[in-house]
PDB file of N, CA and C in Angstrom:
ATOM      1  N   MET A   1      -5.454  -3.465  11.109  1.00  0.00           N
ATOM      2  CA  MET A   1      -5.337  -3.980  12.454  1.00  0.00           C
ATOM      3  C   MET A   1      -4.682  -2.922  13.343  1.00  0.00           C
ATOM      4  N   PHE A   2      -3.386  -2.637  13.111  1.00  0.00           N
ATOM      5  CA  PHE A   2      -2.713  -1.626  13.915  1.00  0.00           C
ATOM      6  C   PHE A   2      -2.504  -0.346  13.133  1.00  0.00           C
ATOM      7  N   GLY A   3      -2.189  -0.471  11.862  1.00  0.00           N
ATOM      8  CA  GLY A   3      -1.899   0.696  11.034  1.00  0.00           C
ATOM      9  C   GLY A   3      -3.143   1.261  10.380  1.00  0.00           C
ATOM     10  N   ASN A   4      -3.024   2.492   9.917  1.00  0.00           N
ATOM     11  CA  ASN A   4      -4.122   3.182   9.271  1.00  0.00           C
ATOM     12  C   ASN A   4      -3.680   3.565   7.862  1.00  0.00           C
ATOM     13  N   ALA A   5      -4.503   3.333   6.882  1.00  0.00           N
ATOM     14  CA  ALA A   5      -4.139   3.636   5.494  1.00  0.00           C
ATOM     15  C   ALA A   5      -3.949   5.133   5.271  1.00  0.00           C
ATOM     16  N   ASP A   6      -4.529   5.964   6.127  1.00  0.00           N
ATOM     17  CA  ASP A   6      -4.354   7.411   5.983  1.00  0.00           C
ATOM     18  C   ASP A   6      -2.926   7.851   6.293  1.00  0.00           C
ATOM     19  N   TRP A   7      -2.142   7.030   6.962  1.00  0.00           N
ATOM     20  CA  TRP A   7      -0.775   7.366   7.319  1.00  0.00           C
ATOM     21  C   TRP A   7       0.206   7.116   6.176  1.00  0.00           C
ATOM     22  N   PHE A   8      -0.260   6.506   5.073  1.00  0.00           N
ATOM     23  CA  PHE A   8       0.627   6.095   3.991  1.00  0.00           C
ATOM     24  C   PHE A   8       0.094   6.581   2.655  1.00  0.00           C
ATOM     25  N   CYS A   9       0.983   6.610   1.658  1.00  0.00           N
ATOM     26  CA  CYS A   9       0.581   6.937   0.285  1.00  0.00           C
ATOM     27  C   CYS A   9       1.435   6.091  -0.662  1.00  0.00           C
ATOM     28  N   GLU A  10       0.923   5.915  -1.876  1.00  0.00           N
ATOM     29  CA  GLU A  10       1.643   5.112  -2.858  1.00  0.00           C
ATOM     30  C   GLU A  10       2.709   5.958  -3.530  1.00  0.00           C
ATOM     31  N   ARG A  11       3.831   5.323  -3.860  1.00  0.00           N
ATOM     32  CA  ARG A  11       4.856   6.004  -4.644  1.00  0.00           C
ATOM     33  C   ARG A  11       4.416   6.033  -6.089  1.00  0.00           C
ATOM     34  N   GLU A  12       4.809   7.075  -6.804  1.00  0.00           N
ATOM     35  CA  GLU A  12       4.414   7.223  -8.193  1.00  0.00           C
ATOM     36  C   GLU A  12       5.068   6.130  -9.034  1.00  0.00           C
ATOM     37  N   GLY A  13       4.243   5.368  -9.740  1.00  0.00           N
ATOM     38  CA  GLY A  13       4.751   4.347 -10.640  1.00  0.00           C
ATOM     39  C   GLY A  13       5.287   3.106  -9.967  1.00  0.00           C
ATOM     40  N   HIS A  14       5.057   2.948  -8.685  1.00  0.00           N
ATOM     41  CA  HIS A  14       5.568   1.784  -7.955  1.00  0.00           C
ATOM     42  C   HIS A  14       4.420   1.083  -7.236  1.00  0.00           C
ATOM     43  N   GLN A  15       4.654  -0.149  -6.880  1.00  0.00           N
ATOM     44  CA  GLN A  15       3.696  -0.892  -6.063  1.00  0.00           C
ATOM     45  C   GLN A  15       3.946  -0.653  -4.576  1.00  0.00           C
ATOM     46  N   ARG A  16       5.062  -0.019  -4.265  1.00  0.00           N
ATOM     47  CA  ARG A  16       5.424   0.198  -2.870  1.00  0.00           C
ATOM     48  C   ARG A  16       4.676   1.395  -2.304  1.00  0.00           C
ATOM     49  N   ILE A  17       4.572   1.423  -0.988  1.00  0.00           N
ATOM     50  CA  ILE A  17       3.952   2.566  -0.325  1.00  0.00           C
ATOM     51  C   ILE A  17       4.973   3.168   0.624  1.00  0.00           C
ATOM     52  N   ARG A  18       4.757   4.435   0.968  1.00  0.00           N
ATOM     53  CA  ARG A  18       5.672   5.121   1.873  1.00  0.00           C
ATOM     54  C   ARG A  18       4.858   5.862   2.925  1.00  0.00           C
ATOM     55  N   ALA A  19       5.537   6.227   4.005  1.00  0.00           N
ATOM     56  CA  ALA A  19       4.863   6.948   5.079  1.00  0.00           C
ATOM     57  C   ALA A  19       4.546   8.362   4.622  1.00  0.00           C
ATOM     58  N   ALA A  20       3.333   8.793   4.842  1.00  0.00           N
ATOM     59  CA  ALA A  20       2.914  10.137   4.464  1.00  0.00           C
ATOM     60  C   ALA A  20       2.846  11.067   5.668  1.00  0.00           C
ATOM     61  N   SER A  21       2.983  10.518   6.869  1.00  0.00           N
ATOM     62  CA  SER A  21       2.900  11.339   8.078  1.00  0.00           C
ATOM     63  C   SER A  21       3.818  10.752   9.143  1.00  0.00           C
ATOM     64  N   TRP A  22       3.911  11.464  10.243  1.00  0.00           N
ATOM     65  CA  TRP A  22       4.766  10.986  11.330  1.00  0.00           C
ATOM     66  C   TRP A  22       4.211   9.704  11.943  1.00  0.00           C
ATOM     67  N   GLN A  23       2.889   9.510  11.884  1.00  0.00           N
ATOM     68  CA  GLN A  23       2.312   8.288  12.422  1.00  0.00           C
ATOM     69  C   GLN A  23       2.767   7.076  11.621  1.00  0.00           C
ATOM     70  N   GLY A  24       2.905   7.219  10.305  1.00  0.00           N
ATOM     71  CA  GLY A  24       3.383   6.126   9.470  1.00  0.00           C
ATOM     72  C   GLY A  24       4.833   5.776   9.762  1.00  0.00           C
ATOM     73  N   ARG A  25       5.663   6.807   9.968  1.00  0.00           N
ATOM     74  CA  ARG A  25       7.064   6.540  10.316  1.00  0.00           C
ATOM     75  C   ARG A  25       7.174   5.897  11.692  1.00  0.00           C
ATOM     76  N   LEU A  26       6.360   6.353  12.636  1.00  0.00           N
ATOM     77  CA  LEU A  26       6.356   5.755  13.969  1.00  0.00           C
ATOM     78  C   LEU A  26       5.870   4.306  13.916  1.00  0.00           C
ATOM     79  N   TYR A  27       4.837   4.047  13.116  1.00  0.00           N
ATOM     80  CA  TYR A  27       4.306   2.695  12.937  1.00  0.00           C
ATOM     81  C   TYR A  27       5.400   1.745  12.453  1.00  0.00           C
ATOM     82  N   ARG A  28       6.135   2.159  11.402  1.00  0.00           N
ATOM     83  CA  ARG A  28       7.204   1.298  10.873  1.00  0.00           C
ATOM     84  C   ARG A  28       8.330   1.111  11.890  1.00  0.00           C
ATOM     85  N   GLY A  29       8.683   2.173  12.610  1.00  0.00           N
ATOM     86  CA  GLY A  29       9.751   2.067  13.604  1.00  0.00           C
ATOM     87  C   GLY A  29       9.405   1.144  14.761  1.00  0.00           C
ATOM     88  N   VAL A  30       8.170   1.227  15.226  1.00  0.00           N
ATOM     89  CA  VAL A  30       7.729   0.357  16.323  1.00  0.00           C
ATOM     90  C   VAL A  30       7.710  -1.097  15.864  1.00  0.00           C
ATOM     91  N   TRP A  31       7.217  -1.346  14.637  1.00  0.00           N
ATOM     92  CA  TRP A  31       7.226  -2.718  14.117  1.00  0.00           C
ATOM     93  C   TRP A  31       8.647  -3.240  13.993  1.00  0.00           C
ATOM     94  N   LEU A  32       9.558  -2.413  13.489  1.00  0.00           N
ATOM     95  CA  LEU A  32      10.945  -2.843  13.340  1.00  0.00           C
ATOM     96  C   LEU A  32      11.544  -3.204  14.697  1.00  0.00           C
ATOM     97  N   ALA A  33      11.315  -2.355  15.689  1.00  0.00           N
ATOM     98  CA  ALA A  33      11.837  -2.635  17.031  1.00  0.00           C
ATOM     99  C   ALA A  33      11.200  -3.892  17.629  1.00  0.00           C
ATOM    100  N   ALA A  34       9.893  -4.069  17.417  1.00  0.00           N
ATOM    101  CA  ALA A  34       9.191  -5.230  17.982  1.00  0.00           C
ATOM    102  C   ALA A  34       9.626  -6.537  17.330  1.00  0.00           C
ATOM    103  N   ILE A  35      10.083  -6.470  16.093  1.00  0.00           N
ATOM    104  CA  ILE A  35      10.527  -7.683  15.407  1.00  0.00           C
ATOM    105  C   ILE A  35      11.995  -7.974  15.698  1.00  0.00           C
ATOM    106  N   VAL A  36      12.844  -6.956  15.610  1.00  0.00           N
ATOM    107  CA  VAL A  36      14.292  -7.178  15.649  1.00  0.00           C
ATOM    108  C   VAL A  36      14.842  -7.309  17.068  1.00  0.00           C
ATOM    109  N   LEU A  37      14.419  -6.459  17.993  1.00  0.00           N
ATOM    110  CA  LEU A  37      15.019  -6.482  19.335  1.00  0.00           C
ATOM    111  C   LEU A  37      14.848  -7.821  20.059  1.00  0.00           C
ATOM    112  N   PRO A  38      13.660  -8.403  20.120  1.00  0.00           N
ATOM    113  CA  PRO A  38      13.555  -9.717  20.766  1.00  0.00           C
ATOM    114  C   PRO A  38      14.382 -10.793  20.047  1.00  0.00           C
ATOM    115  N   ALA A  39      14.472 -10.707  18.722  1.00  0.00           N
ATOM    116  CA  ALA A  39      15.266 -11.683  17.980  1.00  0.00           C
ATOM    117  C   ALA A  39      16.744 -11.555  18.340  1.00  0.00           C
ATOM    118  N   ILE A  40      17.241 -10.333  18.447  1.00  0.00           N
ATOM    119  CA  ILE A  40      18.654 -10.126  18.827  1.00  0.00           C
ATOM    120  C   ILE A  40      18.908 -10.671  20.222  1.00  0.00           C
ATOM    121  N   LEU A  41      17.983 -10.412  21.137  1.00  0.00           N
ATOM    122  CA  LEU A  41      18.153 -10.933  22.502  1.00  0.00           C
ATOM    123  C   LEU A  41      18.140 -12.468  22.515  1.00  0.00           C
ATOM    124  N   LEU A  42      17.272 -13.078  21.736  1.00  0.00           N
ATOM    125  CA  LEU A  42      17.217 -14.542  21.691  1.00  0.00           C
ATOM    126  C   LEU A  42      18.472 -15.125  21.030  1.00  0.00           C
ATOM    127  N   PHE A  43      18.936 -14.499  19.957  1.00  0.00           N
ATOM    128  CA  PHE A  43      20.184 -14.966  19.334  1.00  0.00           C
ATOM    129  C   PHE A  43      21.358 -14.814  20.289  1.00  0.00           C
ATOM    130  N   GLY A  44      21.357 -13.742  21.104  1.00  0.00           N
ATOM    131  CA  GLY A  44      22.435 -13.512  22.071  1.00  0.00           C
ATOM    132  C   GLY A  44      22.472 -14.541  23.178  1.00  0.00           C
ATOM    133  N   GLN A  45      21.354 -15.169  23.462  1.00  0.00           N
ATOM    134  CA  GLN A  45      21.289 -16.193  24.506  1.00  0.00           C
ATOM    135  C   GLN A  45      21.377 -17.598  23.918  1.00  0.00           C
ATOM    136  N   ASP A  46      21.830 -17.708  22.676  1.00  0.00           N
ATOM    137  CA  ASP A  46      21.956 -18.989  21.966  1.00  0.00           C
ATOM    138  C   ASP A  46      20.626 -19.747  21.885  1.00  0.00           C
ATOM    139  N   LYS A  47      19.569 -19.013  21.662  1.00  0.00           N
ATOM    140  CA  LYS A  47      18.245 -19.614  21.467  1.00  0.00           C
ATOM    141  C   LYS A  47      17.825 -19.380  20.018  1.00  0.00           C
ATOM    142  N   THR A  48      18.585 -19.964  19.117  1.00  0.00           N
ATOM    143  CA  THR A  48      18.357 -19.760  17.688  1.00  0.00           C
ATOM    144  C   THR A  48      16.989 -20.250  17.220  1.00  0.00           C
ATOM    145  N   PRO A  49      16.519 -21.441  17.622  1.00  0.00           N
ATOM    146  CA  PRO A  49      15.190 -21.870  17.160  1.00  0.00           C
ATOM    147  C   PRO A  49      14.073 -20.914  17.597  1.00  0.00           C
ATOM    148  N   GLU A  50      14.160 -20.437  18.852  1.00  0.00           N
ATOM    149  CA  GLU A  50      13.145 -19.509  19.338  1.00  0.00           C
ATOM    150  C   GLU A  50      13.199 -18.182  18.580  1.00  0.00           C
ATOM    151  N   ALA A  51      14.413 -17.737  18.262  1.00  0.00           N
ATOM    152  CA  ALA A  51      14.572 -16.491  17.515  1.00  0.00           C
ATOM    153  C   ALA A  51      13.989 -16.621  16.108  1.00  0.00           C
ATOM    154  N   LEU A  52      14.223 -17.754  15.475  1.00  0.00           N
ATOM    155  CA  LEU A  52      13.677 -17.960  14.130  1.00  0.00           C
ATOM    156  C   LEU A  52      12.157 -18.061  14.149  1.00  0.00           C
ATOM    157  N   VAL A  53      11.618 -18.703  15.181  1.00  0.00           N
ATOM    158  CA  VAL A  53      10.157 -18.764  15.319  1.00  0.00           C
ATOM    159  C   VAL A  53       9.604 -17.352  15.538  1.00  0.00           C
ATOM    160  N   TRP A  54      10.278 -16.558  16.381  1.00  0.00           N
ATOM    161  CA  TRP A  54       9.840 -15.194  16.624  1.00  0.00           C
ATOM    162  C   TRP A  54       9.882 -14.366  15.342  1.00  0.00           C
ATOM    163  N   LEU A  55      10.976 -14.457  14.586  1.00  0.00           N
ATOM    164  CA  LEU A  55      11.094 -13.701  13.343  1.00  0.00           C
ATOM    165  C   LEU A  55      10.012 -14.097  12.342  1.00  0.00           C
ATOM    166  N   THR A  56       9.728 -15.386  12.249  1.00  0.00           N
ATOM    167  CA  THR A  56       8.705 -15.860  11.323  1.00  0.00           C
ATOM    168  C   THR A  56       7.311 -15.383  11.737  1.00  0.00           C
ATOM    169  N   ALA A  57       6.984 -15.543  13.007  1.00  0.00           N
ATOM    170  CA  ALA A  57       5.646 -15.171  13.487  1.00  0.00           C
ATOM    171  C   ALA A  57       5.431 -13.659  13.438  1.00  0.00           C
ATOM    172  N   SER A  58       6.370 -12.896  13.944  1.00  0.00           N
ATOM    173  CA  SER A  58       6.185 -11.444  13.965  1.00  0.00           C
ATOM    174  C   SER A  58       6.281 -10.850  12.566  1.00  0.00           C
ATOM    175  N   GLY A  59       7.157 -11.394  11.716  1.00  0.00           N
ATOM    176  CA  GLY A  59       7.237 -10.934  10.336  1.00  0.00           C
ATOM    177  C   GLY A  59       5.959 -11.234   9.568  1.00  0.00           C
ATOM    178  N   GLY A  60       5.367 -12.393   9.818  1.00  0.00           N
ATOM    179  CA  GLY A  60       4.094 -12.732   9.181  1.00  0.00           C
ATOM    180  C   GLY A  60       2.973 -11.819   9.634  1.00  0.00           C
ATOM    181  N   LEU A  61       2.939 -11.482  10.920  1.00  0.00           N
ATOM    182  CA  LEU A  61       1.919 -10.569  11.436  1.00  0.00           C
ATOM    183  C   LEU A  61       2.089  -9.180  10.830  1.00  0.00           C
ATOM    184  N   PHE A  62       3.335  -8.725  10.700  1.00  0.00           N
ATOM    185  CA  PHE A  62       3.591  -7.431  10.065  1.00  0.00           C
ATOM    186  C   PHE A  62       3.151  -7.453   8.593  1.00  0.00           C
ATOM    187  N   ALA A  63       3.471  -8.532   7.880  1.00  0.00           N
ATOM    188  CA  ALA A  63       3.082  -8.635   6.466  1.00  0.00           C
ATOM    189  C   ALA A  63       1.563  -8.624   6.317  1.00  0.00           C
ATOM    190  N   TRP A  64       0.861  -9.281   7.214  1.00  0.00           N
ATOM    191  CA  TRP A  64      -0.596  -9.299   7.172  1.00  0.00           C
ATOM    192  C   TRP A  64      -1.160  -7.895   7.404  1.00  0.00           C
ATOM    193  N   ASP A  65      -0.615  -7.182   8.382  1.00  0.00           N
ATOM    194  CA  ASP A  65      -1.067  -5.829   8.673  1.00  0.00           C
ATOM    195  C   ASP A  65      -0.732  -4.891   7.506  1.00  0.00           C
ATOM    196  N   TRP A  66       0.447  -5.027   6.926  1.00  0.00           N
ATOM    197  CA  TRP A  66       0.879  -4.207   5.797  1.00  0.00           C
ATOM    198  C   TRP A  66      -0.034  -4.448   4.590  1.00  0.00           C
ATOM    199  N   HIS A  67      -0.433  -5.711   4.392  1.00  0.00           N
ATOM    200  CA  HIS A  67      -1.351  -6.051   3.301  1.00  0.00           C
ATOM    201  C   HIS A  67      -2.682  -5.317   3.465  1.00  0.00           C
ATOM    202  N   HIS A  68      -3.190  -5.255   4.679  1.00  0.00           N
ATOM    203  CA  HIS A  68      -4.455  -4.574   4.925  1.00  0.00           C
ATOM    204  C   HIS A  68      -4.320  -3.065   4.731  1.00  0.00           C
ATOM    205  N   ILE A  69      -3.164  -2.511   5.026  1.00  0.00           N
ATOM    206  CA  ILE A  69      -2.935  -1.089   4.767  1.00  0.00           C
ATOM    207  C   ILE A  69      -2.948  -0.830   3.265  1.00  0.00           C
ATOM    208  N   LYS A  70      -2.239  -1.681   2.496  1.00  0.00           N
ATOM    209  CA  LYS A  70      -2.223  -1.514   1.042  1.00  0.00           C
ATOM    210  C   LYS A  70      -3.624  -1.689   0.454  1.00  0.00           C
ATOM    211  N   LYS A  71      -4.387  -2.623   1.004  1.00  0.00           N
ATOM    212  CA  LYS A  71      -5.757  -2.836   0.544  1.00  0.00           C
ATOM    213  C   LYS A  71      -6.620  -1.610   0.854  1.00  0.00           C
ATOM    214  N   GLY A  72      -6.417  -1.005   1.999  1.00  0.00           N
ATOM    215  CA  GLY A  72      -7.136   0.211   2.359  1.00  0.00           C
ATOM    216  C   GLY A  72      -6.781   1.372   1.455  1.00  0.00           C
ATOM    217  N   LEU A  73      -5.526   1.451   1.034  1.00  0.00           N
ATOM    218  CA  LEU A  73      -5.130   2.485   0.079  1.00  0.00           C
ATOM    219  C   LEU A  73      -5.815   2.273  -1.262  1.00  0.00           C
ATOM    220  N   GLY A  74      -5.922   1.033  -1.703  1.00  0.00           N
ATOM    221  CA  GLY A  74      -6.573   0.736  -2.969  1.00  0.00           C
ATOM    222  C   GLY A  74      -8.047   1.088  -2.943  1.00  0.00           C
ATOM    223  N   GLN A  75      -8.713   0.848  -1.811  1.00  0.00           N
ATOM    224  CA  GLN A  75     -10.133   1.186  -1.705  1.00  0.00           C
ATOM    225  C   GLN A  75     -10.326   2.692  -1.700  1.00  0.00           C
ATOM    226  N   ALA A  76      -9.450   3.406  -1.011  1.00  0.00           N
ATOM    227  CA  ALA A  76      -9.565   4.862  -0.987  1.00  0.00           C
ATOM    228  C   ALA A  76      -9.300   5.436  -2.365  1.00  0.00           C
ATOM    229  N   LYS A  77      -8.355   4.843  -3.086  1.00  0.00           N
ATOM    230  CA  LYS A  77      -8.032   5.315  -4.427  1.00  0.00           C
ATOM    231  C   LYS A  77      -9.173   5.052  -5.400  1.00  0.00           C
ATOM    232  N   SER A  78      -9.823   3.893  -5.297  1.00  0.00           N
ATOM    233  CA  SER A  78     -10.899   3.568  -6.227  1.00  0.00           C
ATOM    234  C   SER A  78     -12.128   4.434  -5.988  1.00  0.00           C
ATOM    235  N   THR A  79     -12.432   4.789  -4.741  1.00  0.00           N
ATOM    236  CA  THR A  79     -13.581   5.651  -4.486  1.00  0.00           C
ATOM    237  C   THR A  79     -13.264   7.096  -4.835  1.00  0.00           C
ATOM    238  N   ALA A  80     -12.005   7.505  -4.675  1.00  0.00           N
ATOM    239  CA  ALA A  80     -11.637   8.877  -4.991  1.00  0.00           C
ATOM    240  C   ALA A  80     -11.514   9.094  -6.492  1.00  0.00           C
ATOM    241  N   SER A  81     -11.205   8.061  -7.255  1.00  0.00           N
ATOM    242  CA  SER A  81     -10.997   8.227  -8.688  1.00  0.00           C
ATOM    243  C   SER A  81     -12.302   8.247  -9.476  1.00  0.00           C
ATOM    244  N   ARG A  82     -13.402   7.916  -8.862  1.00  0.00           N
ATOM    245  CA  ARG A  82     -14.681   7.909  -9.570  1.00  0.00           C
ATOM    246  C   ARG A  82     -15.101   9.338  -9.860  1.00  0.00           C
ATOM    247  N   ASP A  83     -15.424   9.593 -11.082  1.00  0.00           N
ATOM    248  CA  ASP A  83     -15.810  10.925 -11.502  1.00  0.00           C
ATOM    249  C   ASP A  83     -17.324  11.068 -11.401  1.00  0.00           C
ATOM    250  N   ASP A  84     -17.776  12.206 -10.890  1.00  0.00           N
ATOM    251  CA  ASP A  84     -19.220  12.426 -10.770  1.00  0.00           C
ATOM    252  C   ASP A  84     -19.887  12.596 -12.132  1.00  0.00           C
ATOM    253  N   ALA A  85     -19.126  12.819 -13.196  1.00  0.00           N
ATOM    254  CA  ALA A  85     -19.706  12.945 -14.529  1.00  0.00           C
ATOM    255  C   ALA A  85     -20.246  11.606 -15.025  1.00  0.00           C
ATOM    256  N   GLU A  86     -19.830  10.498 -14.431  1.00  0.00           N
ATOM    257  CA  GLU A  86     -20.299   9.173 -14.824  1.00  0.00           C
ATOM    258  C   GLU A  86     -21.704   8.881 -14.306  1.00  0.00           C
ATOM    259  N   VAL A  87     -22.204   9.697 -13.394  1.00  0.00           N
ATOM    260  CA  VAL A  87     -23.489   9.441 -12.745  1.00  0.00           C
ATOM    261  C   VAL A  87     -24.558  10.299 -13.401  1.00  0.00           C
ATOM    262  N   LEU A  88     -25.664   9.681 -13.755  1.00  0.00           N
ATOM    263  CA  LEU A  88     -26.797  10.391 -14.332  1.00  0.00           C
ATOM    264  C   LEU A  88     -27.734  10.785 -13.203  1.00  0.00           C
ATOM    265  N   TYR A  89     -27.970  12.095 -13.064  1.00  0.00           N
ATOM    266  CA  TYR A  89     -28.873  12.593 -12.040  1.00  0.00           C
ATOM    267  C   TYR A  89     -30.223  12.877 -12.672  1.00  0.00           C
ATOM    268  N   ILE A  90     -31.269  12.345 -12.083  1.00  0.00           N
ATOM    269  CA  ILE A  90     -32.621  12.571 -12.582  1.00  0.00           C
ATOM    270  C   ILE A  90     -33.416  13.227 -11.459  1.00  0.00           C
ATOM    271  N   GLY A  91     -34.058  14.301 -11.779  1.00  0.00           N
ATOM    272  CA  GLY A  91     -34.918  14.915 -10.781  1.00  0.00           C
ATOM    273  C   GLY A  91     -34.291  16.142 -10.166  1.00  0.00           C
ATOM    274  N   GLU A  92     -33.864  16.023  -8.940  1.00  0.00           N
ATOM    275  CA  GLU A  92     -33.395  17.171  -8.171  1.00  0.00           C
ATOM    276  C   GLU A  92     -32.131  17.767  -8.771  1.00  0.00           C
ATOM    277  N   GLU A  93     -31.972  19.054  -8.580  1.00  0.00           N
ATOM    278  CA  GLU A  93     -30.799  19.756  -9.084  1.00  0.00           C
ATOM    279  C   GLU A  93     -29.582  19.501  -8.195  1.00  0.00           C
ATOM    280  N   GLU A  94     -29.813  19.322  -6.932  1.00  0.00           N
ATOM    281  CA  GLU A  94     -28.718  19.132  -5.980  1.00  0.00           C
ATOM    282  C   GLU A  94     -28.196  17.701  -6.072  1.00  0.00           C
ATOM    283  N   PRO A  95     -26.874  17.500  -6.206  1.00  0.00           N
ATOM    284  CA  PRO A  95     -26.354  16.136  -6.301  1.00  0.00           C
ATOM    285  C   PRO A  95     -26.501  15.390  -4.975  1.00  0.00           C
ATOM    286  N   PRO A  96     -26.626  14.085  -5.030  1.00  0.00           N
ATOM    287  CA  PRO A  96     -26.793  13.306  -3.799  1.00  0.00           C
ATOM    288  C   PRO A  96     -25.492  13.221  -3.005  1.00  0.00           C
ATOM    289  N   VAL A  97     -25.625  12.756  -1.783  1.00  0.00           N
ATOM    290  CA  VAL A  97     -24.487  12.599  -0.878  1.00  0.00           C
ATOM    291  C   VAL A  97     -23.815  11.256  -1.141  1.00  0.00           C
ATOM    292  N   ARG A  98     -22.495  11.238  -1.224  1.00  0.00           N
ATOM    293  CA  ARG A  98     -21.751  10.002  -1.453  1.00  0.00           C
ATOM    294  C   ARG A  98     -21.637   9.231  -0.138  1.00  0.00           C
ATOM    295  N   VAL A  99     -21.990   7.963  -0.172  1.00  0.00           N
ATOM    296  CA  VAL A  99     -21.905   7.085   0.988  1.00  0.00           C
ATOM    297  C   VAL A  99     -21.010   5.913   0.603  1.00  0.00           C
ATOM    298  N   ALA A 100     -19.914   5.706   1.329  1.00  0.00           N
ATOM    299  CA  ALA A 100     -18.990   4.622   1.013  1.00  0.00           C
ATOM    300  C   ALA A 100     -18.988   3.600   2.138  1.00  0.00           C
ATOM    301  N   THR A 101     -19.105   2.343   1.773  1.00  0.00           N
ATOM    302  CA  THR A 101     -18.967   1.246   2.720  1.00  0.00           C
ATOM    303  C   THR A 101     -17.681   0.500   2.405  1.00  0.00           C
ATOM    304  N   GLN A 102     -17.466  -0.606   3.058  1.00  0.00           N
ATOM    305  CA  GLN A 102     -16.235  -1.355   2.839  1.00  0.00           C
ATOM    306  C   GLN A 102     -16.162  -1.921   1.423  1.00  0.00           C
ATOM    307  N   HIS A 103     -17.276  -2.333   0.857  1.00  0.00           N
ATOM    308  CA  HIS A 103     -17.258  -2.994  -0.439  1.00  0.00           C
ATOM    309  C   HIS A 103     -17.928  -2.194  -1.557  1.00  0.00           C
ATOM    310  N   PHE A 104     -18.766  -1.207  -1.224  1.00  0.00           N
ATOM    311  CA  PHE A 104     -19.530  -0.506  -2.239  1.00  0.00           C
ATOM    312  C   PHE A 104     -19.474   0.995  -2.009  1.00  0.00           C
ATOM    313  N   SER A 105     -19.756   1.738  -3.057  1.00  0.00           N
ATOM    314  CA  SER A 105     -19.886   3.189  -2.971  1.00  0.00           C
ATOM    315  C   SER A 105     -21.251   3.558  -3.518  1.00  0.00           C
ATOM    316  N   PHE A 106     -22.052   4.204  -2.701  1.00  0.00           N
ATOM    317  CA  PHE A 106     -23.425   4.552  -3.061  1.00  0.00           C
ATOM    318  C   PHE A 106     -23.596   6.060  -3.105  1.00  0.00           C
ATOM    319  N   PHE A 107     -24.639   6.497  -3.764  1.00  0.00           N
ATOM    320  CA  PHE A 107     -25.060   7.888  -3.720  1.00  0.00           C
ATOM    321  C   PHE A 107     -26.461   7.916  -3.136  1.00  0.00           C
ATOM    322  N   ALA A 108     -26.639   8.629  -2.058  1.00  0.00           N
ATOM    323  CA  ALA A 108     -27.930   8.676  -1.385  1.00  0.00           C
ATOM    324  C   ALA A 108     -28.529  10.059  -1.527  1.00  0.00           C
ATOM    325  N   LYS A 109     -29.801  10.124  -1.932  1.00  0.00           N
ATOM    326  CA  LYS A 109     -30.504  11.385  -1.990  1.00  0.00           C
ATOM    327  C   LYS A 109     -31.198  11.608  -0.648  1.00  0.00           C
ATOM    328  N   ARG A 110     -31.111  12.799  -0.170  1.00  0.00           N
ATOM    329  CA  ARG A 110     -31.723  13.117   1.114  1.00  0.00           C
ATOM    330  C   ARG A 110     -32.801  14.132   0.940  1.00  0.00           C
TER     331      ARG A 110
END
């Protein structure tokens, strides 16, 4: 939605991801400010129910966006980990061009 999976990478041996570029760090900082600052202002004005609703809604939106980033990392990892030795080429000597869609990875001969 807002974030790009290219801005992040997985930590070795962990399920967590970390920022791989300045765009990833900026993305996390903007989300943190967008979630926390309005909540602090609402708590300061004794509007606790509104602050809790804001924290729940904005935190849920961030979690949804973060989930899609992690899903994008998994798709990039699965297409990158495929070895070309697994593919049997018949006919032409030149290997086909790899074409990746959201759900499938194809090899197209041109």
